[in-house]
């Protein structure tokens, strides 16, 4: 959202603080208060407005943490199976000939060149053709980010 956000050293402020877009300083004052400091300038004003909107939205919509149960684990397994189907379908749409090989690997054939994708583990790609190898690796990475963008596990 912002071009740059950097943490400020503790010497410059009494509590946690950071600088947004090199124009606005946000300081943590207490559990329910923050302070914003900036010099009036059109761009600085826009940055401060967007930070205020973000803070107001956060305070209004506090995320809820739910402890996973056995049902959630089953749902996660179902989601993983669905994700695998989606990944396979998207790879087929990109490369055409995609088949299931041994050990859960996907075998992708393009113009006589073959790549082996380790779909379940690391996403490693093996191929003699470096161009195909890189195309498959990048495509799989992008598909993974789209299908499973953020892990919401509580640690």
Protein backbone atom coordinates (compact mmCIF):
# COMPACT_ATOMS: atom_id res chain seq x y z
CA UNK A 1 0.00 0.00 0.00
CA UNK A 2 2.78 2.41 0.92
CA UNK A 3 6.03 2.82 -0.94
CA UNK A 4 8.11 2.50 2.20
CA UNK A 5 7.56 1.88 5.89
CA UNK A 6 10.57 1.88 8.17
CA UNK A 7 10.92 1.36 11.89
CA UNK A 8 12.49 4.20 13.85
CA UNK A 9 15.22 3.58 16.42
CA UNK A 10 14.05 3.62 20.04
CA UNK A 11 16.22 6.68 20.78
CA UNK A 12 14.02 8.89 18.58
CA UNK A 13 10.79 7.99 20.39
CA UNK A 14 9.63 6.71 23.76
CA UNK A 15 7.77 3.72 22.31
CA UNK A 16 7.50 1.88 19.00
CA UNK A 17 7.40 4.23 16.03
CA UNK A 18 7.77 4.08 12.28
CA UNK A 19 8.01 6.41 9.30
CA UNK A 20 5.65 6.01 6.35
CA UNK A 21 6.67 7.12 2.87
CA UNK A 22 9.44 9.26 4.44
CA UNK A 23 6.78 11.85 5.24
CA UNK A 24 4.70 10.70 8.20
CA UNK A 25 5.77 9.48 11.64
CA UNK A 26 3.44 7.15 13.53
CA UNK A 27 4.15 6.78 17.27
CA UNK A 28 2.59 4.30 19.68
CA UNK A 29 1.47 6.29 22.72
CA UNK A 30 -0.63 3.76 24.64
CA UNK A 31 -2.82 0.73 24.04
CA UNK A 32 -5.60 2.89 22.62
CA UNK A 33 -3.66 5.88 21.27
CA UNK A 34 -1.21 6.60 18.49
CA UNK A 35 0.04 9.93 17.27
CA UNK A 36 0.72 11.00 13.70
CA UNK A 37 3.24 13.73 12.88
CA UNK A 38 3.84 15.25 9.45
CA UNK A 39 4.57 18.55 7.72
CA UNK A 40 1.64 19.88 5.78
CA UNK A 41 2.13 19.22 2.10
CA UNK A 42 -0.39 17.74 -0.36
CA UNK A 43 1.36 14.36 -0.66
CA UNK A 44 2.01 14.17 3.09
CA UNK A 45 -1.64 15.01 3.73
CA UNK A 46 -2.76 12.19 1.42
CA UNK A 47 -0.42 9.72 3.14
CA UNK A 48 -1.70 10.77 6.57
CA UNK A 49 -5.32 10.45 5.39
CA UNK A 50 -4.71 6.91 4.17
CA UNK A 51 -2.95 5.93 7.43
CA UNK A 52 -5.86 7.35 9.46
CA UNK A 53 -8.33 5.39 7.32
CA UNK A 54 -6.26 2.23 7.79
CA UNK A 55 -6.08 2.69 11.57
CA UNK A 56 -9.81 3.38 11.85
CA UNK A 57 -10.55 0.26 9.80
CA UNK A 58 -8.28 -1.88 11.97
CA UNK A 59 -9.89 -0.70 15.19
CA UNK A 60 -13.34 -1.41 13.76
CA UNK A 61 -12.59 -4.87 12.39
CA UNK A 62 -10.42 -6.70 14.91
CA UNK A 63 -9.62 -10.14 13.51
CA UNK A 64 -10.81 -13.15 15.46
CA UNK A 65 -8.54 -16.08 16.20
CA UNK A 66 -10.25 -19.46 16.21
CA UNK A 67 -8.62 -22.58 17.59
CA UNK A 68 -8.62 -25.41 15.07
CA UNK A 69 -10.46 -28.59 15.88
CA UNK A 70 -10.52 -32.00 14.21
CA UNK A 71 -13.20 -30.73 11.82
CA UNK A 72 -10.93 -27.89 10.79
CA UNK A 73 -8.15 -30.39 10.08
CA UNK A 74 -10.52 -32.42 7.89
CA UNK A 75 -11.54 -29.21 6.12
CA UNK A 76 -7.87 -28.38 5.59
CA UNK A 77 -7.31 -31.78 3.98
CA UNK A 78 -10.30 -31.21 1.70
CA UNK A 79 -8.98 -27.75 0.82
CA UNK A 80 -5.57 -29.24 -0.03
CA UNK A 81 -7.23 -31.77 -2.37
CA UNK A 82 -9.23 -28.98 -4.03
CA UNK A 83 -6.07 -26.88 -4.33
CA UNK A 84 -4.27 -29.78 -6.03
CA UNK A 85 -7.11 -30.10 -8.55
CA UNK A 86 -7.04 -26.36 -9.25
CA UNK A 87 -3.24 -26.40 -9.64
CA UNK A 88 -3.49 -29.32 -12.06
CA UNK A 89 -6.24 -27.63 -14.08
CA UNK A 90 -4.30 -24.36 -14.32
CA UNK A 91 -1.12 -26.16 -15.37
CA UNK A 92 -3.13 -28.01 -18.05
CA UNK A 93 -4.49 -24.67 -19.30
CA UNK A 94 -0.94 -23.27 -19.50
CA UNK A 95 1.04 -26.23 -20.79
CA UNK A 96 -1.50 -28.68 -22.26
CA UNK A 97 -0.14 -32.16 -21.56
CA UNK A 98 0.06 -32.56 -17.75
CA UNK A 99 -0.14 -36.04 -16.23
CA UNK A 100 0.32 -37.55 -12.79
CA UNK A 101 3.62 -39.40 -12.49
CA UNK A 102 5.25 -41.41 -9.74
CA UNK A 103 5.55 -40.17 -6.14
CA UNK A 104 2.91 -37.49 -6.69
CA UNK A 105 4.99 -35.66 -9.28
CA UNK A 106 3.37 -34.04 -12.27
CA UNK A 107 4.82 -34.76 -15.70
CA UNK A 108 4.53 -31.79 -18.06
CA UNK A 109 5.24 -32.27 -21.77
CA UNK A 110 5.67 -29.33 -24.13
CA UNK A 111 6.97 -29.68 -27.71
CA UNK A 112 8.82 -32.91 -26.94
CA UNK A 113 10.42 -31.50 -23.78
CA UNK A 114 9.48 -32.98 -20.42
CA UNK A 115 9.50 -31.43 -16.95
CA UNK A 116 8.81 -33.20 -13.64
CA UNK A 117 7.18 -31.03 -10.98
CA UNK A 118 7.20 -32.07 -7.32
CA UNK A 119 3.69 -30.76 -6.61
CA UNK A 120 3.29 -31.99 -3.02
CA UNK A 121 6.66 -31.19 -1.47
CA UNK A 122 8.93 -28.35 -2.47
CA UNK A 123 7.76 -27.44 -5.95
CA UNK A 124 11.13 -28.45 -7.43
CA UNK A 125 11.21 -28.79 -11.19
CA UNK A 126 13.47 -31.20 -13.06
CA UNK A 127 13.99 -30.84 -16.80
CA UNK A 128 16.78 -30.98 -19.35
CA UNK A 129 15.33 -27.89 -21.06
CA UNK A 130 16.21 -24.86 -18.87
CA UNK A 131 13.57 -22.67 -20.55
CA UNK A 132 10.75 -25.10 -19.81
CA UNK A 133 12.10 -25.67 -16.31
CA UNK A 134 11.97 -21.94 -15.53
CA UNK A 135 8.52 -21.50 -17.11
CA UNK A 136 7.08 -24.35 -15.04
CA UNK A 137 8.78 -23.12 -11.85
CA UNK A 138 7.46 -19.56 -12.24
CA UNK A 139 3.97 -20.73 -13.24
CA UNK A 140 3.76 -23.11 -10.27
CA UNK A 141 4.97 -20.40 -7.89
CA UNK A 142 2.34 -17.96 -9.14
CA UNK A 143 -0.41 -20.58 -9.00
CA UNK A 144 0.62 -21.50 -5.43
CA UNK A 145 0.44 -17.82 -4.42
CA UNK A 146 -3.02 -17.52 -5.94
CA UNK A 147 -4.38 -20.76 -4.51
CA UNK A 148 -2.79 -20.51 -1.05
CA UNK A 149 -1.84 -16.84 -0.63
CA UNK A 150 -1.41 -16.57 3.15
CA UNK A 151 -1.01 -19.10 5.90
CA UNK A 152 -3.30 -18.19 8.79
CA UNK A 153 -1.95 -20.69 11.29
CA UNK A 154 -1.64 -19.50 14.88
CA UNK A 155 1.69 -20.18 16.54
